[in-house]
């Protein structure tokens, strides 16, 4: 069953560490503010309260890693 907004998921996110690095880097680059000038949640808050968005960060980070590896393959 897919995790829903507002519900914590008990399953670990695939690529969670990559997602954390990407999200925290993005948050730092925008001084922790959203495009609506609201404070961004921490990674742990994102995982707990909006696991769909956290999973999207993990997927995006994994895609960047895969594309980088594929482009640099001999």
PDB file of N, CA and C in Angstrom:
ATOM      1  N   UNK A   1       0.843  -1.180   0.000  1.00  0.00           N
ATOM      2  CA  UNK A   1       0.000   0.000   0.000  1.00  0.00           C
ATOM      3  C   UNK A   1       0.885   1.240   0.000  1.00  0.00           C
ATOM      4  N   UNK A   2       0.571   2.209  -0.815  1.00  0.00           N
ATOM      5  CA  UNK A   2       1.366   3.434  -0.921  1.00  0.00           C
ATOM      6  C   UNK A   2       1.165   4.302   0.310  1.00  0.00           C
ATOM      7  N   UNK A   3       2.248   4.976   0.702  1.00  0.00           N
ATOM      8  CA  UNK A   3       2.169   5.900   1.832  1.00  0.00           C
ATOM      9  C   UNK A   3       1.386   7.136   1.422  1.00  0.00           C
ATOM     10  N   UNK A   4       0.605   7.658   2.335  1.00  0.00           N
ATOM     11  CA  UNK A   4      -0.186   8.851   2.053  1.00  0.00           C
ATOM     12  C   UNK A   4       0.357  10.037   2.821  1.00  0.00           C
ATOM     13  N   UNK A   5       0.084  11.230   2.305  1.00  0.00           N
ATOM     14  CA  UNK A   5       0.512  12.447   2.977  1.00  0.00           C
ATOM     15  C   UNK A   5      -0.062  12.446   4.392  1.00  0.00           C
ATOM     16  N   UNK A   6       0.806  12.782   5.330  1.00  0.00           N
ATOM     17  CA  UNK A   6       0.372  12.843   6.712  1.00  0.00           C
ATOM     18  C   UNK A   6       0.534  11.533   7.461  1.00  0.00           C
ATOM     19  N   UNK A   7       0.866  10.467   6.761  1.00  0.00           N
ATOM     20  CA  UNK A   7       1.060   9.172   7.398  1.00  0.00           C
ATOM     21  C   UNK A   7       2.518   8.766   7.275  1.00  0.00           C
ATOM     22  N   UNK A   8       3.102   8.376   8.382  1.00  0.00           N
ATOM     23  CA  UNK A   8       4.492   7.919   8.352  1.00  0.00           C
ATOM     24  C   UNK A   8       4.543   6.529   7.738  1.00  0.00           C
ATOM     25  N   UNK A   9       5.558   6.289   6.957  1.00  0.00           N
ATOM     26  CA  UNK A   9       5.762   4.987   6.349  1.00  0.00           C
ATOM     27  C   UNK A   9       6.728   4.194   7.214  1.00  0.00           C
ATOM     28  N   UNK A  10       6.428   2.914   7.434  1.00  0.00           N
ATOM     29  CA  UNK A  10       7.328   2.091   8.233  1.00  0.00           C
ATOM     30  C   UNK A  10       8.459   1.515   7.384  1.00  0.00           C
ATOM     31  N   UNK A  11       8.286   1.493   6.069  1.00  0.00           N
ATOM     32  CA  UNK A  11       9.316   0.955   5.178  1.00  0.00           C
ATOM     33  C   UNK A  11      10.365   2.016   4.898  1.00  0.00           C
ATOM     34  N   UNK A  12      11.637   1.618   4.892  1.00  0.00           N
ATOM     35  CA  UNK A  12      12.685   2.599   4.559  1.00  0.00           C
ATOM     36  C   UNK A  12      12.567   3.022   3.096  1.00  0.00           C
ATOM     37  N   UNK A  13      12.903   4.248   2.827  1.00  0.00           N
ATOM     38  CA  UNK A  13      12.866   4.749   1.457  1.00  0.00           C
ATOM     39  C   UNK A  13      14.073   4.240   0.688  1.00  0.00           C
ATOM     40  N   UNK A  14      13.863   3.704  -0.512  1.00  0.00           N
ATOM     41  CA  UNK A  14      15.021   3.329  -1.337  1.00  0.00           C
ATOM     42  C   UNK A  14      15.826   4.583  -1.682  1.00  0.00           C
ATOM     43  N   UNK A  15      17.132   4.522  -1.515  1.00  0.00           N
ATOM     44  CA  UNK A  15      17.978   5.667  -1.831  1.00  0.00           C
ATOM     45  C   UNK A  15      17.825   6.810  -0.854  1.00  0.00           C
ATOM     46  N   UNK A  16      17.432   6.507   0.383  1.00  0.00           N
ATOM     47  CA  UNK A  16      17.141   7.561   1.361  1.00  0.00           C
ATOM     48  C   UNK A  16      18.319   8.487   1.612  1.00  0.00           C
ATOM     49  N   UNK A  17      19.525   7.949   1.663  1.00  0.00           N
ATOM     50  CA  UNK A  17      20.677   8.819   1.942  1.00  0.00           C
ATOM     51  C   UNK A  17      20.919   9.783   0.785  1.00  0.00           C
ATOM     52  N   UNK A  18      20.782   9.296  -0.439  1.00  0.00           N
ATOM     53  CA  UNK A  18      20.911  10.195  -1.608  1.00  0.00           C
ATOM     54  C   UNK A  18      19.827  11.261  -1.580  1.00  0.00           C
ATOM     55  N   UNK A  19      18.618  10.869  -1.259  1.00  0.00           N
ATOM     56  CA  UNK A  19      17.513  11.824  -1.176  1.00  0.00           C
ATOM     57  C   UNK A  19      17.761  12.874  -0.118  1.00  0.00           C
ATOM     58  N   UNK A  20      18.293  12.434   1.038  1.00  0.00           N
ATOM     59  CA  UNK A  20      18.598  13.365   2.121  1.00  0.00           C
ATOM     60  C   UNK A  20      19.646  14.388   1.672  1.00  0.00           C
ATOM     61  N   UNK A  21      20.706  13.909   1.035  1.00  0.00           N
ATOM     62  CA  UNK A  21      21.769  14.817   0.582  1.00  0.00           C
ATOM     63  C   UNK A  21      21.206  15.819  -0.416  1.00  0.00           C
ATOM     64  N   UNK A  22      20.425  15.340  -1.371  1.00  0.00           N
ATOM     65  CA  UNK A  22      19.851  16.235  -2.384  1.00  0.00           C
ATOM     66  C   UNK A  22      18.915  17.261  -1.746  1.00  0.00           C
ATOM     67  N   UNK A  23      18.019  16.800  -0.886  1.00  0.00           N
ATOM     68  CA  UNK A  23      17.048  17.693  -0.260  1.00  0.00           C
ATOM     69  C   UNK A  23      17.735  18.723   0.635  1.00  0.00           C
ATOM     70  N   UNK A  24      18.674  18.268   1.451  1.00  0.00           N
ATOM     71  CA  UNK A  24      19.357  19.197   2.352  1.00  0.00           C
ATOM     72  C   UNK A  24      20.217  20.190   1.579  1.00  0.00           C
ATOM     73  N   UNK A  25      20.790  19.763   0.463  1.00  0.00           N
ATOM     74  CA  UNK A  25      21.555  20.687  -0.380  1.00  0.00           C
ATOM     75  C   UNK A  25      20.641  21.730  -1.000  1.00  0.00           C
ATOM     76  N   UNK A  26      19.505  21.289  -1.491  1.00  0.00           N
ATOM     77  CA  UNK A  26      18.518  22.217  -2.052  1.00  0.00           C
ATOM     78  C   UNK A  26      18.047  23.203  -0.985  1.00  0.00           C
ATOM     79  N   UNK A  27      17.716  22.671   0.182  1.00  0.00           N
ATOM     80  CA  UNK A  27      17.239  23.527   1.263  1.00  0.00           C
ATOM     81  C   UNK A  27      18.279  24.586   1.630  1.00  0.00           C
ATOM     82  N   UNK A  28      19.531  24.195   1.695  1.00  0.00           N
ATOM     83  CA  UNK A  28      20.597  25.156   2.003  1.00  0.00           C
ATOM     84  C   UNK A  28      20.732  26.200   0.894  1.00  0.00           C
ATOM     85  N   UNK A  29      20.596  25.766  -0.342  1.00  0.00           N
ATOM     86  CA  UNK A  29      20.742  26.694  -1.481  1.00  0.00           C
ATOM     87  C   UNK A  29      19.645  27.749  -1.510  1.00  0.00           C
ATOM     88  N   UNK A  30      18.473  27.414  -0.961  1.00  0.00           N
ATOM     89  CA  UNK A  30      17.361  28.374  -0.953  1.00  0.00           C
ATOM     90  C   UNK A  30      17.110  28.925   0.456  1.00  0.00           C
ATOM     91  N   UNK A  31      18.136  28.847   1.293  1.00  0.00           N
ATOM     92  CA  UNK A  31      18.078  29.346   2.668  1.00  0.00           C
ATOM     93  C   UNK A  31      16.883  28.789   3.450  1.00  0.00           C
ATOM     94  N   UNK A  32      16.507  27.532   3.143  1.00  0.00           N
ATOM     95  CA  UNK A  32      15.441  26.876   3.893  1.00  0.00           C
ATOM     96  C   UNK A  32      14.055  27.419   3.647  1.00  0.00           C
ATOM     97  N   UNK A  33      13.879  28.130   2.519  1.00  0.00           N
ATOM     98  CA  UNK A  33      12.581  28.750   2.222  1.00  0.00           C
ATOM     99  C   UNK A  33      12.000  28.183   0.936  1.00  0.00           C
ATOM    100  N   UNK A  34      10.701  27.988   0.915  1.00  0.00           N
ATOM    101  CA  UNK A  34      10.012  27.492  -0.275  1.00  0.00           C
ATOM    102  C   UNK A  34       9.771  28.634  -1.256  1.00  0.00           C
ATOM    103  N   UNK A  35       9.247  28.311  -2.428  1.00  0.00           N
ATOM    104  CA  UNK A  35       8.914  29.352  -3.414  1.00  0.00           C
ATOM    105  C   UNK A  35       7.798  30.250  -2.910  1.00  0.00           C
ATOM    106  N   UNK A  36       7.073  29.802  -1.906  1.00  0.00           N
ATOM    107  CA  UNK A  36       6.024  30.619  -1.264  1.00  0.00           C
ATOM    108  C   UNK A  36       6.559  31.367  -0.039  1.00  0.00           C
ATOM    109  N   UNK A  37       7.892  31.325   0.123  1.00  0.00           N
ATOM    110  CA  UNK A  37       8.590  31.940   1.247  1.00  0.00           C
ATOM    111  C   UNK A  37       8.166  31.356   2.597  1.00  0.00           C
ATOM    112  N   UNK A  38       7.852  30.066   2.576  1.00  0.00           N
ATOM    113  CA  UNK A  38       7.556  29.342   3.809  1.00  0.00           C
ATOM    114  C   UNK A  38       8.795  28.534   4.199  1.00  0.00           C
ATOM    115  N   UNK A  39       8.940  28.285   5.485  1.00  0.00           N
ATOM    116  CA  UNK A  39      10.073  27.483   5.945  1.00  0.00           C
ATOM    117  C   UNK A  39       9.926  26.044   5.449  1.00  0.00           C
ATOM    118  N   UNK A  40      11.009  25.511   4.875  1.00  0.00           N
ATOM    119  CA  UNK A  40      10.993  24.124   4.437  1.00  0.00           C
ATOM    120  C   UNK A  40      11.117  23.204   5.640  1.00  0.00           C
ATOM    121  N   UNK A  41      10.436  22.069   5.613  1.00  0.00           N
ATOM    122  CA  UNK A  41      10.607  21.113   6.703  1.00  0.00           C
ATOM    123  C   UNK A  41      11.980  20.464   6.637  1.00  0.00           C
ATOM    124  N   UNK A  42      12.435  19.936   7.747  1.00  0.00           N
ATOM    125  CA  UNK A  42      13.672  19.162   7.737  1.00  0.00           C
ATOM    126  C   UNK A  42      13.425  17.883   6.951  1.00  0.00           C
ATOM    127  N   UNK A  43      14.511  17.196   6.597  1.00  0.00           N
ATOM    128  CA  UNK A  43      14.360  15.914   5.889  1.00  0.00           C
ATOM    129  C   UNK A  43      13.524  14.939   6.724  1.00  0.00           C
ATOM    130  N   UNK A  44      13.825  14.831   8.010  1.00  0.00           N
ATOM    131  CA  UNK A  44      13.092  13.888   8.859  1.00  0.00           C
ATOM    132  C   UNK A  44      11.605  14.244   8.927  1.00  0.00           C
ATOM    133  N   UNK A  45      11.295  15.526   8.982  1.00  0.00           N
ATOM    134  CA  UNK A  45       9.891  15.946   8.965  1.00  0.00           C
ATOM    135  C   UNK A  45       9.244  15.595   7.626  1.00  0.00           C
ATOM    136  N   UNK A  46       9.984  15.784   6.547  1.00  0.00           N
ATOM    137  CA  UNK A  46       9.467  15.455   5.215  1.00  0.00           C
ATOM    138  C   UNK A  46       9.156  13.962   5.125  1.00  0.00           C
ATOM    139  N   UNK A  47      10.080  13.129   5.593  1.00  0.00           N
ATOM    140  CA  UNK A  47       9.880  11.678   5.557  1.00  0.00           C
ATOM    141  C   UNK A  47       8.656  11.282   6.380  1.00  0.00           C
ATOM    142  N   UNK A  48       8.500  11.893   7.537  1.00  0.00           N
ATOM    143  CA  UNK A  48       7.402  11.549   8.434  1.00  0.00           C
ATOM    144  C   UNK A  48       6.055  12.068   7.936  1.00  0.00           C
ATOM    145  N   UNK A  49       6.015  13.314   7.504  1.00  0.00           N
ATOM    146  CA  UNK A  49       4.737  13.951   7.191  1.00  0.00           C
ATOM    147  C   UNK A  49       4.379  13.984   5.714  1.00  0.00           C
ATOM    148  N   UNK A  50       5.351  13.803   4.841  1.00  0.00           N
ATOM    149  CA  UNK A  50       5.066  13.794   3.406  1.00  0.00           C
ATOM    150  C   UNK A  50       6.005  12.817   2.702  1.00  0.00           C
ATOM    151  N   UNK A  51       5.828  11.526   2.973  1.00  0.00           N
ATOM    152  CA  UNK A  51       6.734  10.527   2.410  1.00  0.00           C
ATOM    153  C   UNK A  51       6.718  10.472   0.886  1.00  0.00           C
ATOM    154  N   UNK A  52       5.648  10.912   0.256  1.00  0.00           N
ATOM    155  CA  UNK A  52       5.610  10.924  -1.209  1.00  0.00           C
ATOM    156  C   UNK A  52       6.638  11.908  -1.757  1.00  0.00           C
ATOM    157  N   UNK A  53       6.736  13.076  -1.150  1.00  0.00           N
ATOM    158  CA  UNK A  53       7.725  14.068  -1.584  1.00  0.00           C
ATOM    159  C   UNK A  53       9.128  13.571  -1.265  1.00  0.00           C
ATOM    160  N   UNK A  54       9.319  12.985  -0.106  1.00  0.00           N
ATOM    161  CA  UNK A  54      10.636  12.443   0.245  1.00  0.00           C
ATOM    162  C   UNK A  54      11.043  11.357  -0.748  1.00  0.00           C
ATOM    163  N   UNK A  55      10.118  10.499  -1.114  1.00  0.00           N
ATOM    164  CA  UNK A  55      10.415   9.444  -2.090  1.00  0.00           C
ATOM    165  C   UNK A  55      10.767  10.040  -3.446  1.00  0.00           C
ATOM    166  N   UNK A  56      10.131  11.141  -3.814  1.00  0.00           N
ATOM    167  CA  UNK A  56      10.451  11.806  -5.079  1.00  0.00           C
ATOM    168  C   UNK A  56      11.875  12.363  -5.054  1.00  0.00           C
ATOM    169  N   UNK A  57      12.309  12.925  -3.924  1.00  0.00           N
ATOM    170  CA  UNK A  57      13.694  13.397  -3.796  1.00  0.00           C
ATOM    171  C   UNK A  57      14.660  12.232  -3.938  1.00  0.00           C
ATOM    172  N   UNK A  58      14.329  11.094  -3.359  1.00  0.00           N
ATOM    173  CA  UNK A  58      15.186   9.909  -3.471  1.00  0.00           C
ATOM    174  C   UNK A  58      15.279   9.448  -4.920  1.00  0.00           C
ATOM    175  N   UNK A  59      14.151   9.408  -5.600  1.00  0.00           N
ATOM    176  CA  UNK A  59      14.131   8.983  -7.002  1.00  0.00           C
ATOM    177  C   UNK A  59      14.927   9.944  -7.881  1.00  0.00           C
ATOM    178  N   UNK A  60      14.767  11.229  -7.648  1.00  0.00           N
ATOM    179  CA  UNK A  60      15.496  12.228  -8.434  1.00  0.00           C
ATOM    180  C   UNK A  60      17.004  12.110  -8.201  1.00  0.00           C
ATOM    181  N   UNK A  61      17.400  11.953  -6.957  1.00  0.00           N
ATOM    182  CA  UNK A  61      18.827  11.825  -6.642  1.00  0.00           C
ATOM    183  C   UNK A  61      19.404  10.564  -7.278  1.00  0.00           C
ATOM    184  N   UNK A  62      18.654   9.485  -7.221  1.00  0.00           N
ATOM    185  CA  UNK A  62      19.111   8.236  -7.835  1.00  0.00           C
ATOM    186  C   UNK A  62      19.237   8.399  -9.345  1.00  0.00           C
ATOM    187  N   UNK A  63      18.313   9.108  -9.968  1.00  0.00           N
ATOM    188  CA  UNK A  63      18.363   9.335 -11.414  1.00  0.00           C
ATOM    189  C   UNK A  63      19.600  10.141 -11.799  1.00  0.00           C
ATOM    190  N   UNK A  64      19.952  11.136 -11.006  1.00  0.00           N
ATOM    191  CA  UNK A  64      21.159  11.926 -11.276  1.00  0.00           C
ATOM    192  C   UNK A  64      22.394  11.041 -11.162  1.00  0.00           C
ATOM    193  N   UNK A  65      22.450  10.228 -10.122  1.00  0.00           N
ATOM    194  CA  UNK A  65      23.585   9.328  -9.944  1.00  0.00           C
ATOM    195  C   UNK A  65      23.689   8.350 -11.119  1.00  0.00           C
ATOM    196  N   UNK A  66      22.588   7.775 -11.525  1.00  0.00           N
ATOM    197  CA  UNK A  66      22.583   6.828 -12.640  1.00  0.00           C
ATOM    198  C   UNK A  66      23.008   7.503 -13.936  1.00  0.00           C
ATOM    199  N   UNK A  67      22.451   8.677 -14.218  1.00  0.00           N
ATOM    200  CA  UNK A  67      22.814   9.397 -15.449  1.00  0.00           C
ATOM    201  C   UNK A  67      24.288   9.774 -15.458  1.00  0.00           C
ATOM    202  N   UNK A  68      24.810  10.187 -14.319  1.00  0.00           N
ATOM    203  CA  UNK A  68      26.217  10.544 -14.226  1.00  0.00           C
ATOM    204  C   UNK A  68      27.106   9.326 -14.471  1.00  0.00           C
ATOM    205  N   UNK A  69      26.731   8.213 -13.863  1.00  0.00           N
ATOM    206  CA  UNK A  69      27.489   6.987 -14.055  1.00  0.00           C
ATOM    207  C   UNK A  69      27.448   6.541 -15.512  1.00  0.00           C
ATOM    208  N   UNK A  70      26.280   6.575 -16.122  1.00  0.00           N
ATOM    209  CA  UNK A  70      26.141   6.150 -17.514  1.00  0.00           C
ATOM    210  C   UNK A  70      26.949   7.036 -18.459  1.00  0.00           C
ATOM    211  N   UNK A  71      26.960   8.320 -18.231  1.00  0.00           N
ATOM    212  CA  UNK A  71      27.703   9.260 -19.100  1.00  0.00           C
ATOM    213  C   UNK A  71      29.198   9.106 -18.948  1.00  0.00           C
ATOM    214  N   UNK A  72      29.654   8.686 -17.785  1.00  0.00           N
ATOM    215  CA  UNK A  72      31.083   8.557 -17.538  1.00  0.00           C
ATOM    216  C   UNK A  72      31.589   7.136 -17.718  1.00  0.00           C
ATOM    217  N   UNK A  73      30.738   6.274 -18.212  1.00  0.00           N
ATOM    218  CA  UNK A  73      31.136   4.879 -18.442  1.00  0.00           C
ATOM    219  C   UNK A  73      32.065   4.794 -19.649  1.00  0.00           C
ATOM    220  N   UNK A  74      33.141   4.033 -19.523  1.00  0.00           N
ATOM    221  CA  UNK A  74      34.076   3.928 -20.646  1.00  0.00           C
ATOM    222  C   UNK A  74      33.477   3.194 -21.835  1.00  0.00           C
TER     223      UNK A  74
END
